PDB file of N, CA and C in Angstrom:
ATOM      1  N   MET A   1      43.551   6.050   4.169  1.00  0.00           N
ATOM      2  CA  MET A   1      43.046   5.984   2.805  1.00  0.00           C
ATOM      3  C   MET A   1      42.568   4.556   2.541  1.00  0.00           C
ATOM      4  N   ASP A   2      41.394   4.399   2.026  1.00  0.00           N
ATOM      5  CA  ASP A   2      40.820   3.096   1.712  1.00  0.00           C
ATOM      6  C   ASP A   2      41.488   2.531   0.469  1.00  0.00           C
ATOM      7  N   LYS A   3      41.788   1.213   0.492  1.00  0.00           N
ATOM      8  CA  LYS A   3      42.488   0.587  -0.645  1.00  0.00           C
ATOM      9  C   LYS A   3      41.680   0.658  -1.927  1.00  0.00           C
ATOM     10  N   ASP A   4      40.349   0.697  -1.824  1.00  0.00           N
ATOM     11  CA  ASP A   4      39.497   0.756  -3.017  1.00  0.00           C
ATOM     12  C   ASP A   4      39.539   2.121  -3.705  1.00  0.00           C
ATOM     13  N   GLU A   5      40.015   3.144  -3.001  1.00  0.00           N
ATOM     14  CA  GLU A   5      40.091   4.475  -3.603  1.00  0.00           C
ATOM     15  C   GLU A   5      41.089   4.516  -4.754  1.00  0.00           C
ATOM     16  N   ASN A   6      42.059   3.628  -4.756  1.00  0.00           N
ATOM     17  CA  ASN A   6      43.083   3.605  -5.800  1.00  0.00           C
ATOM     18  C   ASN A   6      42.645   2.839  -7.041  1.00  0.00           C
ATOM     19  N   LEU A   7      41.537   2.124  -6.944  1.00  0.00           N
ATOM     20  CA  LEU A   7      41.061   1.321  -8.068  1.00  0.00           C
ATOM     21  C   LEU A   7      40.207   2.161  -8.998  1.00  0.00           C
ATOM     22  N   PRO A   8      40.232   1.837 -10.303  1.00  0.00           N
ATOM     23  CA  PRO A   8      39.375   2.582 -11.233  1.00  0.00           C
ATOM     24  C   PRO A   8      37.910   2.285 -10.952  1.00  0.00           C
ATOM     25  N   LYS A   9      37.047   3.236 -11.276  1.00  0.00           N
ATOM     26  CA  LYS A   9      35.605   3.060 -11.085  1.00  0.00           C
ATOM     27  C   LYS A   9      35.129   1.915 -11.972  1.00  0.00           C
ATOM     28  N   ARG A  10      34.343   1.031 -11.402  1.00  0.00           N
ATOM     29  CA  ARG A  10      33.823  -0.119 -12.145  1.00  0.00           C
ATOM     30  C   ARG A  10      32.420   0.180 -12.643  1.00  0.00           C
ATOM     31  N   ILE A  11      32.175  -0.217 -13.860  1.00  0.00           N
ATOM     32  CA  ILE A  11      30.852  -0.090 -14.449  1.00  0.00           C
ATOM     33  C   ILE A  11      30.455  -1.481 -14.905  1.00  0.00           C
ATOM     34  N   VAL A  12      29.327  -1.956 -14.432  1.00  0.00           N
ATOM     35  CA  VAL A  12      28.880  -3.295 -14.789  1.00  0.00           C
ATOM     36  C   VAL A  12      27.921  -3.188 -15.967  1.00  0.00           C
ATOM     37  N   ARG A  13      28.242  -3.945 -17.020  1.00  0.00           N
ATOM     38  CA  ARG A  13      27.398  -4.001 -18.208  1.00  0.00           C
ATOM     39  C   ARG A  13      27.262  -5.452 -18.618  1.00  0.00           C
ATOM     40  N   THR A  14      26.159  -5.757 -19.206  1.00  0.00           N
ATOM     41  CA  THR A  14      25.959  -7.099 -19.737  1.00  0.00           C
ATOM     42  C   THR A  14      26.313  -7.070 -21.212  1.00  0.00           C
ATOM     43  N   ILE A  15      27.139  -8.025 -21.627  1.00  0.00           N
ATOM     44  CA  ILE A  15      27.497  -8.112 -23.039  1.00  0.00           C
ATOM     45  C   ILE A  15      27.172  -9.509 -23.549  1.00  0.00           C
ATOM     46  N   THR A  16      26.974  -9.611 -24.817  1.00  0.00           N
ATOM     47  CA  THR A  16      26.708 -10.902 -25.445  1.00  0.00           C
ATOM     48  C   THR A  16      27.907 -11.260 -26.307  1.00  0.00           C
ATOM     49  N   LEU A  17      28.432 -12.447 -26.087  1.00  0.00           N
ATOM     50  CA  LEU A  17      29.576 -12.923 -26.852  1.00  0.00           C
ATOM     51  C   LEU A  17      29.169 -14.166 -27.629  1.00  0.00           C
ATOM     52  N   THR A  18      29.762 -14.317 -28.786  1.00  0.00           N
ATOM     53  CA  THR A  18      29.524 -15.525 -29.583  1.00  0.00           C
ATOM     54  C   THR A  18      30.525 -16.602 -29.169  1.00  0.00           C
ATOM     55  N   HIS A  19      30.306 -17.789 -29.653  1.00  0.00           N
ATOM     56  CA  HIS A  19      31.250 -18.877 -29.405  1.00  0.00           C
ATOM     57  C   HIS A  19      32.639 -18.509 -29.960  1.00  0.00           C
ATOM     58  N   ASP A  20      32.650 -17.879 -31.141  1.00  0.00           N
ATOM     59  CA  ASP A  20      33.927 -17.449 -31.731  1.00  0.00           C
ATOM     60  C   ASP A  20      34.629 -16.426 -30.841  1.00  0.00           C
ATOM     61  N   ASP A  21      33.848 -15.514 -30.241  1.00  0.00           N
ATOM     62  CA  ASP A  21      34.430 -14.532 -29.321  1.00  0.00           C
ATOM     63  C   ASP A  21      35.099 -15.232 -28.144  1.00  0.00           C
ATOM     64  N   LEU A  22      34.427 -16.245 -27.609  1.00  0.00           N
ATOM     65  CA  LEU A  22      34.981 -16.972 -26.467  1.00  0.00           C
ATOM     66  C   LEU A  22      36.236 -17.744 -26.850  1.00  0.00           C
ATOM     67  N   MET A  23      36.268 -18.259 -28.066  1.00  0.00           N
ATOM     68  CA  MET A  23      37.472 -18.948 -28.546  1.00  0.00           C
ATOM     69  C   MET A  23      38.633 -17.961 -28.657  1.00  0.00           C
ATOM     70  N   LEU A  24      38.333 -16.757 -29.135  1.00  0.00           N
ATOM     71  CA  LEU A  24      39.372 -15.726 -29.222  1.00  0.00           C
ATOM     72  C   LEU A  24      39.860 -15.345 -27.825  1.00  0.00           C
ATOM     73  N   LEU A  25      38.943 -15.243 -26.858  1.00  0.00           N
ATOM     74  CA  LEU A  25      39.345 -14.943 -25.482  1.00  0.00           C
ATOM     75  C   LEU A  25      40.249 -16.039 -24.928  1.00  0.00           C
ATOM     76  N   ASP A  26      39.946 -17.289 -25.254  1.00  0.00           N
ATOM     77  CA  ASP A  26      40.814 -18.382 -24.813  1.00  0.00           C
ATOM     78  C   ASP A  26      42.220 -18.233 -25.393  1.00  0.00           C
ATOM     79  N   GLY A  27      42.295 -17.815 -26.654  1.00  0.00           N
ATOM     80  CA  GLY A  27      43.600 -17.578 -27.271  1.00  0.00           C
ATOM     81  C   GLY A  27      44.335 -16.435 -26.603  1.00  0.00           C
ATOM     82  N   ILE A  28      43.602 -15.383 -26.276  1.00  0.00           N
ATOM     83  CA  ILE A  28      44.212 -14.245 -25.572  1.00  0.00           C
ATOM     84  C   ILE A  28      44.705 -14.691 -24.205  1.00  0.00           C
ATOM     85  N   GLU A  29      43.921 -15.531 -23.532  1.00  0.00           N
ATOM     86  CA  GLU A  29      44.343 -16.031 -22.217  1.00  0.00           C
ATOM     87  C   GLU A  29      45.660 -16.792 -22.322  1.00  0.00           C
ATOM     88  N   ARG A  30      45.797 -17.623 -23.346  1.00  0.00           N
ATOM     89  CA  ARG A  30      47.043 -18.385 -23.512  1.00  0.00           C
ATOM     90  C   ARG A  30      48.239 -17.451 -23.726  1.00  0.00           C
ATOM     91  N   VAL A  31      48.065 -16.440 -24.540  1.00  0.00           N
ATOM     92  CA  VAL A  31      49.163 -15.498 -24.802  1.00  0.00           C
ATOM     93  C   VAL A  31      49.487 -14.698 -23.547  1.00  0.00           C
ATOM     94  N   MET A  32      48.452 -14.199 -22.869  1.00  0.00           N
ATOM     95  CA  MET A  32      48.678 -13.376 -21.681  1.00  0.00           C
ATOM     96  C   MET A  32      49.276 -14.198 -20.545  1.00  0.00           C
ATOM     97  N   SER A  33      48.940 -15.488 -20.467  1.00  0.00           N
ATOM     98  CA  SER A  33      49.477 -16.314 -19.382  1.00  0.00           C
ATOM     99  C   SER A  33      50.986 -16.494 -19.524  1.00  0.00           C
ATOM    100  N   ARG A  34      51.504 -16.307 -20.726  1.00  0.00           N
ATOM    101  CA  ARG A  34      52.956 -16.385 -20.924  1.00  0.00           C
ATOM    102  C   ARG A  34      53.690 -15.256 -20.215  1.00  0.00           C
ATOM    103  N   THR A  35      52.955 -14.219 -19.817  1.00  0.00           N
ATOM    104  CA  THR A  35      53.578 -13.116 -19.076  1.00  0.00           C
ATOM    105  C   THR A  35      53.803 -13.500 -17.618  1.00  0.00           C
ATOM    106  N   GLY A  36      53.180 -14.605 -17.193  1.00  0.00           N
ATOM    107  CA  GLY A  36      53.297 -15.020 -15.796  1.00  0.00           C
ATOM    108  C   GLY A  36      52.168 -14.499 -14.932  1.00  0.00           C
ATOM    109  N   GLN A  37      51.320 -13.643 -15.485  1.00  0.00           N
ATOM    110  CA  GLN A  37      50.179 -13.096 -14.735  1.00  0.00           C
ATOM    111  C   GLN A  37      48.982 -14.031 -14.886  1.00  0.00           C
ATOM    112  N   ARG A  38      48.202 -14.153 -13.817  1.00  0.00           N
ATOM    113  CA  ARG A  38      46.992 -14.972 -13.884  1.00  0.00           C
ATOM    114  C   ARG A  38      45.838 -14.095 -14.353  1.00  0.00           C
ATOM    115  N   ILE A  39      45.519 -14.225 -15.602  1.00  0.00           N
ATOM    116  CA  ILE A  39      44.400 -13.474 -16.174  1.00  0.00           C
ATOM    117  C   ILE A  39      43.415 -14.520 -16.666  1.00  0.00           C
ATOM    118  N   LYS A  40      42.576 -14.979 -15.756  1.00  0.00           N
ATOM    119  CA  LYS A  40      41.681 -16.087 -16.069  1.00  0.00           C
ATOM    120  C   LYS A  40      40.239 -15.634 -16.265  1.00  0.00           C
ATOM    121  N   THR A  41      39.828 -14.561 -15.631  1.00  0.00           N
ATOM    122  CA  THR A  41      38.427 -14.162 -15.738  1.00  0.00           C
ATOM    123  C   THR A  41      38.173 -13.443 -17.056  1.00  0.00           C
ATOM    124  N   ASP A  42      36.965 -13.631 -17.579  1.00  0.00           N
ATOM    125  CA  ASP A  42      36.615 -12.993 -18.847  1.00  0.00           C
ATOM    126  C   ASP A  42      36.735 -11.478 -18.765  1.00  0.00           C
ATOM    127  N   SER A  43      36.355 -10.893 -17.623  1.00  0.00           N
ATOM    128  CA  SER A  43      36.413  -9.432 -17.532  1.00  0.00           C
ATOM    129  C   SER A  43      37.847  -8.922 -17.649  1.00  0.00           C
ATOM    130  N   LYS A  44      38.799  -9.618 -17.017  1.00  0.00           N
ATOM    131  CA  LYS A  44      40.203  -9.197 -17.125  1.00  0.00           C
ATOM    132  C   LYS A  44      40.715  -9.417 -18.548  1.00  0.00           C
ATOM    133  N   LEU A  45      40.328 -10.534 -19.154  1.00  0.00           N
ATOM    134  CA  LEU A  45      40.756 -10.803 -20.530  1.00  0.00           C
ATOM    135  C   LEU A  45      40.201  -9.757 -21.490  1.00  0.00           C
ATOM    136  N   ILE A  46      38.939  -9.406 -21.315  1.00  0.00           N
ATOM    137  CA  ILE A  46      38.316  -8.399 -22.184  1.00  0.00           C
ATOM    138  C   ILE A  46      38.994  -7.049 -21.980  1.00  0.00           C
ATOM    139  N   ARG A  47      39.283  -6.685 -20.728  1.00  0.00           N
ATOM    140  CA  ARG A  47      39.963  -5.409 -20.474  1.00  0.00           C
ATOM    141  C   ARG A  47      41.343  -5.382 -21.121  1.00  0.00           C
ATOM    142  N   ALA A  48      42.070  -6.495 -21.033  1.00  0.00           N
ATOM    143  CA  ALA A  48      43.386  -6.571 -21.674  1.00  0.00           C
ATOM    144  C   ALA A  48      43.237  -6.462 -23.187  1.00  0.00           C
ATOM    145  N   ALA A  49      42.256  -7.186 -23.750  1.00  0.00           N
ATOM    146  CA  ALA A  49      42.041  -7.154 -25.204  1.00  0.00           C
ATOM    147  C   ALA A  49      41.670  -5.757 -25.678  1.00  0.00           C
ATOM    148  N   ILE A  50      40.872  -5.041 -24.920  1.00  0.00           N
ATOM    149  CA  ILE A  50      40.491  -3.671 -25.286  1.00  0.00           C
ATOM    150  C   ILE A  50      41.725  -2.776 -25.321  1.00  0.00           C
ATOM    151  N   GLN A  51      42.574  -2.906 -24.299  1.00  0.00           N
ATOM    152  CA  GLN A  51      43.790  -2.073 -24.262  1.00  0.00           C
ATOM    153  C   GLN A  51      44.723  -2.399 -25.417  1.00  0.00           C
ATOM    154  N   ILE A  52      44.882  -3.680 -25.715  1.00  0.00           N
ATOM    155  CA  ILE A  52      45.748  -4.097 -26.826  1.00  0.00           C
ATOM    156  C   ILE A  52      45.174  -3.599 -28.153  1.00  0.00           C
ATOM    157  N   ALA A  53      43.871  -3.796 -28.350  1.00  0.00           N
ATOM    158  CA  ALA A  53      43.230  -3.365 -29.602  1.00  0.00           C
ATOM    159  C   ALA A  53      43.346  -1.858 -29.785  1.00  0.00           C
ATOM    160  N   SER A  54      43.132  -1.111 -28.721  1.00  0.00           N
ATOM    161  CA  SER A  54      43.213   0.349 -28.805  1.00  0.00           C
ATOM    162  C   SER A  54      44.609   0.792 -29.229  1.00  0.00           C
ATOM    163  N   LYS A  55      45.609   0.209 -28.602  1.00  0.00           N
ATOM    164  CA  LYS A  55      46.986   0.585 -28.942  1.00  0.00           C
ATOM    165  C   LYS A  55      47.331   0.160 -30.364  1.00  0.00           C
ATOM    166  N   ALA A  56      46.900  -1.041 -30.758  1.00  0.00           N
ATOM    167  CA  ALA A  56      47.187  -1.528 -32.109  1.00  0.00           C
ATOM    168  C   ALA A  56      46.505  -0.658 -33.165  1.00  0.00           C
ATOM    169  N   LEU A  57      45.253  -0.290 -32.928  1.00  0.00           N
ATOM    170  CA  LEU A  57      44.516   0.536 -33.882  1.00  0.00           C
ATOM    171  C   LEU A  57      45.098   1.947 -34.013  1.00  0.00           C
ATOM    172  N   ASN A  58      45.721   2.409 -32.945  1.00  0.00           N
ATOM    173  CA  ASN A  58      46.333   3.739 -32.953  1.00  0.00           C
ATOM    174  C   ASN A  58      47.824   3.694 -33.252  1.00  0.00           C
ATOM    175  N   ASP A  59      48.292   2.544 -33.731  1.00  0.00           N
ATOM    176  CA  ASP A  59      49.711   2.345 -34.065  1.00  0.00           C
ATOM    177  C   ASP A  59      50.645   2.721 -32.922  1.00  0.00           C
ATOM    178  N   GLU A  60      50.221   2.413 -31.694  1.00  0.00           N
ATOM    179  CA  GLU A  60      51.046   2.671 -30.521  1.00  0.00           C
ATOM    180  C   GLU A  60      51.753   1.376 -30.115  1.00  0.00           C
ATOM    181  N   ASN A  61      52.972   1.508 -29.631  1.00  0.00           N
ATOM    182  CA  ASN A  61      53.675   0.341 -29.103  1.00  0.00           C
ATOM    183  C   ASN A  61      53.032  -0.063 -27.783  1.00  0.00           C
ATOM    184  N   PHE A  62      53.052  -1.352 -27.493  1.00  0.00           N
ATOM    185  CA  PHE A  62      52.537  -1.809 -26.209  1.00  0.00           C
ATOM    186  C   PHE A  62      53.343  -2.987 -25.722  1.00  0.00           C
ATOM    187  N   ASP A  63      53.333  -3.151 -24.428  1.00  0.00           N
ATOM    188  CA  ASP A  63      54.057  -4.227 -23.761  1.00  0.00           C
ATOM    189  C   ASP A  63      53.030  -5.130 -23.089  1.00  0.00           C
ATOM    190  N   LEU A  64      52.960  -6.390 -23.522  1.00  0.00           N
ATOM    191  CA  LEU A  64      51.976  -7.315 -22.949  1.00  0.00           C
ATOM    192  C   LEU A  64      52.132  -7.445 -21.439  1.00  0.00           C
ATOM    193  N   MET A  65      53.364  -7.484 -20.965  1.00  0.00           N
ATOM    194  CA  MET A  65      53.601  -7.615 -19.526  1.00  0.00           C
ATOM    195  C   MET A  65      53.023  -6.415 -18.779  1.00  0.00           C
ATOM    196  N   GLU A  66      53.239  -5.236 -19.327  1.00  0.00           N
ATOM    197  CA  GLU A  66      52.732  -4.020 -18.699  1.00  0.00           C
ATOM    198  C   GLU A  66      51.195  -4.038 -18.643  1.00  0.00           C
ATOM    199  N   ILE A  67      50.575  -4.428 -19.741  1.00  0.00           N
ATOM    200  CA  ILE A  67      49.115  -4.495 -19.783  1.00  0.00           C
ATOM    201  C   ILE A  67      48.607  -5.559 -18.810  1.00  0.00           C
ATOM    202  N   ALA A  68      49.253  -6.713 -18.790  1.00  0.00           N
ATOM    203  CA  ALA A  68      48.845  -7.794 -17.886  1.00  0.00           C
ATOM    204  C   ALA A  68      48.947  -7.346 -16.433  1.00  0.00           C
ATOM    205  N   GLU A  69      50.049  -6.716 -16.077  1.00  0.00           N
ATOM    206  CA  GLU A  69      50.228  -6.243 -14.705  1.00  0.00           C
ATOM    207  C   GLU A  69      49.176  -5.206 -14.340  1.00  0.00           C
ATOM    208  N   LYS A  70      48.883  -4.307 -15.273  1.00  0.00           N
ATOM    209  CA  LYS A  70      47.899  -3.256 -15.015  1.00  0.00           C
ATOM    210  C   LYS A  70      46.516  -3.856 -14.788  1.00  0.00           C
ATOM    211  N   VAL A  71      46.122  -4.801 -15.631  1.00  0.00           N
ATOM    212  CA  VAL A  71      44.806  -5.417 -15.514  1.00  0.00           C
ATOM    213  C   VAL A  71      44.679  -6.166 -14.187  1.00  0.00           C
ATOM    214  N   VAL A  72      45.719  -6.905 -13.817  1.00  0.00           N
ATOM    215  CA  VAL A  72      45.685  -7.642 -12.557  1.00  0.00           C
ATOM    216  C   VAL A  72      45.702  -6.678 -11.379  1.00  0.00           C
ATOM    217  N   ARG A  73      46.530  -5.665 -11.436  1.00  0.00           N
ATOM    218  CA  ARG A  73      46.656  -4.695 -10.347  1.00  0.00           C
ATOM    219  C   ARG A  73      45.347  -3.943 -10.113  1.00  0.00           C
ATOM    220  N   GLU A  74      44.647  -3.608 -11.184  1.00  0.00           N
ATOM    221  CA  GLU A  74      43.422  -2.825 -11.060  1.00  0.00           C
ATOM    222  C   GLU A  74      42.200  -3.667 -10.691  1.00  0.00           C
ATOM    223  N   ASP A  75      42.341  -4.975 -10.716  1.00  0.00           N
ATOM    224  CA  ASP A  75      41.220  -5.841 -10.378  1.00  0.00           C
ATOM    225  C   ASP A  75      41.110  -5.943  -8.863  1.00  0.00           C
ATOM    226  N   GLY A  76      40.047  -5.456  -8.307  1.00  0.00           N
ATOM    227  CA  GLY A  76      39.866  -5.427  -6.853  1.00  0.00           C
ATOM    228  C   GLY A  76      39.888  -6.796  -6.212  1.00  0.00           C
ATOM    229  N   ARG A  77      39.287  -7.782  -6.869  1.00  0.00           N
ATOM    230  CA  ARG A  77      39.253  -9.126  -6.283  1.00  0.00           C
ATOM    231  C   ARG A  77      40.655  -9.701  -6.189  1.00  0.00           C
ATOM    232  N   THR A  78      41.447  -9.531  -7.244  1.00  0.00           N
ATOM    233  CA  THR A  78      42.816 -10.047  -7.229  1.00  0.00           C
ATOM    234  C   THR A  78      43.635  -9.316  -6.182  1.00  0.00           C
ATOM    235  N   LEU A  79      43.458  -7.998  -6.102  1.00  0.00           N
ATOM    236  CA  LEU A  79      44.191  -7.205  -5.124  1.00  0.00           C
ATOM    237  C   LEU A  79      43.853  -7.663  -3.712  1.00  0.00           C
ATOM    238  N   SER A  80      42.581  -7.920  -3.455  1.00  0.00           N
ATOM    239  CA  SER A  80      42.168  -8.379  -2.132  1.00  0.00           C
ATOM    240  C   SER A  80      42.831  -9.705  -1.792  1.00  0.00           C
ATOM    241  N   LYS A  81      42.874 -10.625  -2.758  1.00  0.00           N
ATOM    242  CA  LYS A  81      43.492 -11.928  -2.523  1.00  0.00           C
ATOM    243  C   LYS A  81      44.986 -11.782  -2.267  1.00  0.00           C
ATOM    244  N   LEU A  82      45.642 -10.883  -3.011  1.00  0.00           N
ATOM    245  CA  LEU A  82      47.072 -10.680  -2.822  1.00  0.00           C
ATOM    246  C   LEU A  82      47.354 -10.080  -1.443  1.00  0.00           C
ATOM    247  N   LEU A  83      46.530  -9.124  -1.014  1.00  0.00           N
ATOM    248  CA  LEU A  83      46.709  -8.514   0.301  1.00  0.00           C
ATOM    249  C   LEU A  83      46.498  -9.549   1.406  1.00  0.00           C
ATOM    250  N   GLU A  84      45.481 -10.397   1.224  1.00  0.00           N
ATOM    251  CA  GLU A  84      45.201 -11.447   2.187  1.00  0.00           C
ATOM    252  C   GLU A  84      46.380 -12.407   2.287  1.00  0.00           C
ATOM    253  N   LYS A  85      46.906 -12.809   1.139  1.00  0.00           N
ATOM    254  CA  LYS A  85      48.031 -13.739   1.091  1.00  0.00           C
ATOM    255  C   LYS A  85      49.261 -13.125   1.760  1.00  0.00           C
ATOM    256  N   THR A  86      49.499 -11.837   1.491  1.00  0.00           N
ATOM    257  CA  THR A  86      50.647 -11.148   2.084  1.00  0.00           C
ATOM    258  C   THR A  86      50.526 -11.103   3.599  1.00  0.00           C
ATOM    259  N   LYS A  87      49.317 -10.821   4.113  1.00  0.00           N
ATOM    260  CA  LYS A  87      49.101 -10.762   5.565  1.00  0.00           C
ATOM    261  C   LYS A  87      49.364 -12.125   6.204  1.00  0.00           C
ATOM    262  N   LYS A  88      48.920 -13.202   5.544  1.00  0.00           N
ATOM    263  CA  LYS A  88      49.119 -14.544   6.082  1.00  0.00           C
ATOM    264  C   LYS A  88      50.588 -14.918   6.122  1.00  0.00           C
ATOM    265  N   GLU A  89      51.361 -14.446   5.133  1.00  0.00           N
ATOM    266  CA  GLU A  89      52.782 -14.783   5.060  1.00  0.00           C
ATOM    267  C   GLU A  89      53.609 -14.030   6.084  1.00  0.00           C
ATOM    268  N   GLN A  90      53.083 -12.917   6.600  1.00  0.00           N
ATOM    269  CA  GLN A  90      53.858 -12.098   7.550  1.00  0.00           C
ATOM    270  C   GLN A  90      53.794 -12.616   8.932  1.00  0.00           C
TER     271      GLN A  90
END
């Protein structure tokens, strides 16, 4: 089984963000980094923000750590780096 088969389908879209949007993303990055997960790329931050916003708007409970882990786990580039690092350590 190919490792990419477990990843969600990616759709590439171009979006336009304002300076205020980027400042908000920086704030989200600071909060998410407290979970211990490295969520530095805008795409991962936006995906985390979408999940948080969806749960908040639907009055659902959410766990930042769970969302952070999911976003990092589903990111193919991060997964590739983790697999590479694991192979080197063995």
